[in-house]
């Protein structure tokens, strides 16, 4: 799986904005691997079912990324449309 990291409005390495070690700590708290293991342990899902769900999710994300990259930039005059403030 290809990973994309965005920093601001350009492609770049966002890790420069993170304190060292923060990312590792976040991965340790990630609930998805724990839920995956629980589903397998409890027999609520098979390895094949979970692999299919993961493949579908990855395909949807890749499709969304491609759509965003292939889309035209918005017109400058639209910069302040649909902006709401209280």
C-alpha atoms as a PDB file:
ATOM      1  CA  UNK A   1       0.000   0.000   0.000  1.00  0.00           C
ATOM      2  CA  UNK A   2       1.376   3.384  -0.973  1.00  0.00           C
ATOM      3  CA  UNK A   3       1.370   5.967   1.787  1.00  0.00           C
ATOM      4  CA  UNK A   4       0.736   9.659   1.192  1.00  0.00           C
ATOM      5  CA  UNK A   5       1.738  12.248   3.729  1.00  0.00           C
ATOM      6  CA  UNK A   6       0.615  15.814   3.323  1.00  0.00           C
ATOM      7  CA  UNK A   7       2.155  18.840   4.979  1.00  0.00           C
ATOM      8  CA  UNK A   8       0.039  21.929   4.557  1.00  0.00           C
ATOM      9  CA  UNK A   9      -1.015  22.345   0.952  1.00  0.00           C
ATOM     10  CA  UNK A  10       1.798  20.395  -0.687  1.00  0.00           C
ATOM     11  CA  UNK A  11       3.094  16.855  -0.766  1.00  0.00           C
ATOM     12  CA  UNK A  12       5.878  16.543   1.739  1.00  0.00           C
ATOM     13  CA  UNK A  13       6.980  14.905   4.923  1.00  0.00           C
ATOM     14  CA  UNK A  14       4.566  15.768   7.729  1.00  0.00           C
ATOM     15  CA  UNK A  15       6.767  14.032  10.279  1.00  0.00           C
ATOM     16  CA  UNK A  16       8.691  17.280  10.720  1.00  0.00           C
ATOM     17  CA  UNK A  17       5.652  18.659  12.534  1.00  0.00           C
ATOM     18  CA  UNK A  18       5.408  15.760  14.993  1.00  0.00           C
ATOM     19  CA  UNK A  19       7.378  15.316  18.192  1.00  0.00           C
ATOM     20  CA  UNK A  20       9.740  12.365  17.865  1.00  0.00           C
ATOM     21  CA  UNK A  21       8.084   9.125  18.934  1.00  0.00           C
ATOM     22  CA  UNK A  22       4.544  10.487  18.746  1.00  0.00           C
ATOM     23  CA  UNK A  23       3.647   8.369  15.716  1.00  0.00           C
ATOM     24  CA  UNK A  24       4.847   5.152  17.374  1.00  0.00           C
ATOM     25  CA  UNK A  25       2.729   5.946  20.413  1.00  0.00           C
ATOM     26  CA  UNK A  26      -0.329   6.487  18.238  1.00  0.00           C
ATOM     27  CA  UNK A  27       0.152   3.145  16.489  1.00  0.00           C
ATOM     28  CA  UNK A  28       0.330   1.413  19.879  1.00  0.00           C
ATOM     29  CA  UNK A  29      -3.101   2.874  20.746  1.00  0.00           C
ATOM     30  CA  UNK A  30      -4.659   2.058  17.356  1.00  0.00           C
ATOM     31  CA  UNK A  31      -7.919   0.191  18.107  1.00  0.00           C
ATOM     32  CA  UNK A  32      -8.220  -1.391  14.655  1.00  0.00           C
ATOM     33  CA  UNK A  33      -5.676  -4.217  15.131  1.00  0.00           C
ATOM     34  CA  UNK A  34      -7.210  -5.040  18.522  1.00  0.00           C
ATOM     35  CA  UNK A  35     -10.711  -5.148  17.053  1.00  0.00           C
ATOM     36  CA  UNK A  36      -9.493  -7.287  14.167  1.00  0.00           C
ATOM     37  CA  UNK A  37      -7.953  -9.763  16.605  1.00  0.00           C
ATOM     38  CA  UNK A  38     -11.133  -9.798  18.690  1.00  0.00           C
ATOM     39  CA  UNK A  39     -13.332 -10.482  15.665  1.00  0.00           C
ATOM     40  CA  UNK A  40     -11.103 -13.406  14.723  1.00  0.00           C
ATOM     41  CA  UNK A  41     -10.922 -14.730  18.295  1.00  0.00           C
ATOM     42  CA  UNK A  42     -14.686 -14.533  18.815  1.00  0.00           C
ATOM     43  CA  UNK A  43     -15.385 -16.114  15.437  1.00  0.00           C
ATOM     44  CA  UNK A  44     -17.366 -13.058  14.350  1.00  0.00           C
ATOM     45  CA  UNK A  45     -15.342 -12.821  11.135  1.00  0.00           C
ATOM     46  CA  UNK A  46     -12.918 -14.958   9.200  1.00  0.00           C
ATOM     47  CA  UNK A  47      -9.491 -13.943   7.951  1.00  0.00           C
ATOM     48  CA  UNK A  48     -10.896 -13.949   4.414  1.00  0.00           C
ATOM     49  CA  UNK A  49     -13.809 -11.683   5.351  1.00  0.00           C
ATOM     50  CA  UNK A  50     -11.531  -9.197   7.088  1.00  0.00           C
ATOM     51  CA  UNK A  51      -9.062  -9.250   4.189  1.00  0.00           C
ATOM     52  CA  UNK A  52     -11.929  -8.462   1.796  1.00  0.00           C
ATOM     53  CA  UNK A  53     -13.107  -5.569   3.988  1.00  0.00           C
ATOM     54  CA  UNK A  54      -9.564  -4.194   4.198  1.00  0.00           C
ATOM     55  CA  UNK A  55      -9.074  -4.489   0.420  1.00  0.00           C
ATOM     56  CA  UNK A  56     -12.358  -2.692  -0.240  1.00  0.00           C
ATOM     57  CA  UNK A  57     -11.460   0.094   2.199  1.00  0.00           C
ATOM     58  CA  UNK A  58      -8.018   0.518   0.629  1.00  0.00           C
ATOM     59  CA  UNK A  59      -9.553   0.660  -2.868  1.00  0.00           C
ATOM     60  CA  UNK A  60     -12.046   3.319  -1.751  1.00  0.00           C
ATOM     61  CA  UNK A  61      -9.297   5.443  -0.224  1.00  0.00           C
ATOM     62  CA  UNK A  62      -7.123   5.112  -3.336  1.00  0.00           C
ATOM     63  CA  UNK A  63     -10.102   6.087  -5.520  1.00  0.00           C
ATOM     64  CA  UNK A  64     -10.748   9.162  -3.355  1.00  0.00           C
ATOM     65  CA  UNK A  65      -7.085  10.179  -3.505  1.00  0.00           C
ATOM     66  CA  UNK A  66      -7.041   9.792  -7.295  1.00  0.00           C
ATOM     67  CA  UNK A  67     -10.249  11.829  -7.600  1.00  0.00           C
ATOM     68  CA  UNK A  68      -8.788  14.612  -5.447  1.00  0.00           C
ATOM     69  CA  UNK A  69      -5.524  14.691  -7.380  1.00  0.00           C
ATOM     70  CA  UNK A  70      -7.245  14.593 -10.774  1.00  0.00           C
ATOM     71  CA  UNK A  71      -9.795  17.293  -9.887  1.00  0.00           C
ATOM     72  CA  UNK A  72      -9.265  20.818 -11.071  1.00  0.00           C
ATOM     73  CA  UNK A  73      -8.318  23.446  -8.531  1.00  0.00           C
ATOM     74  CA  UNK A  74     -11.274  25.542  -7.418  1.00  0.00           C
ATOM     75  CA  UNK A  75     -11.700  28.959  -8.964  1.00  0.00           C
ATOM     76  CA  UNK A  76     -10.206  31.755  -6.837  1.00  0.00           C
ATOM     77  CA  UNK A  77     -13.578  33.532  -6.718  1.00  0.00           C
ATOM     78  CA  UNK A  78     -14.996  30.486  -4.916  1.00  0.00           C
ATOM     79  CA  UNK A  79     -12.474  30.734  -2.066  1.00  0.00           C
ATOM     80  CA  UNK A  80     -14.943  32.289   0.347  1.00  0.00           C
ATOM     81  CA  UNK A  81     -18.080  30.402  -0.668  1.00  0.00           C
ATOM     82  CA  UNK A  82     -19.612  28.006   1.821  1.00  0.00           C
ATOM     83  CA  UNK A  83     -17.592  29.532   4.669  1.00  0.00           C
ATOM     84  CA  UNK A  84     -19.601  29.795   7.857  1.00  0.00           C
ATOM     85  CA  UNK A  85     -18.637  31.565  11.061  1.00  0.00           C
ATOM     86  CA  UNK A  86     -20.531  32.236  14.235  1.00  0.00           C
END
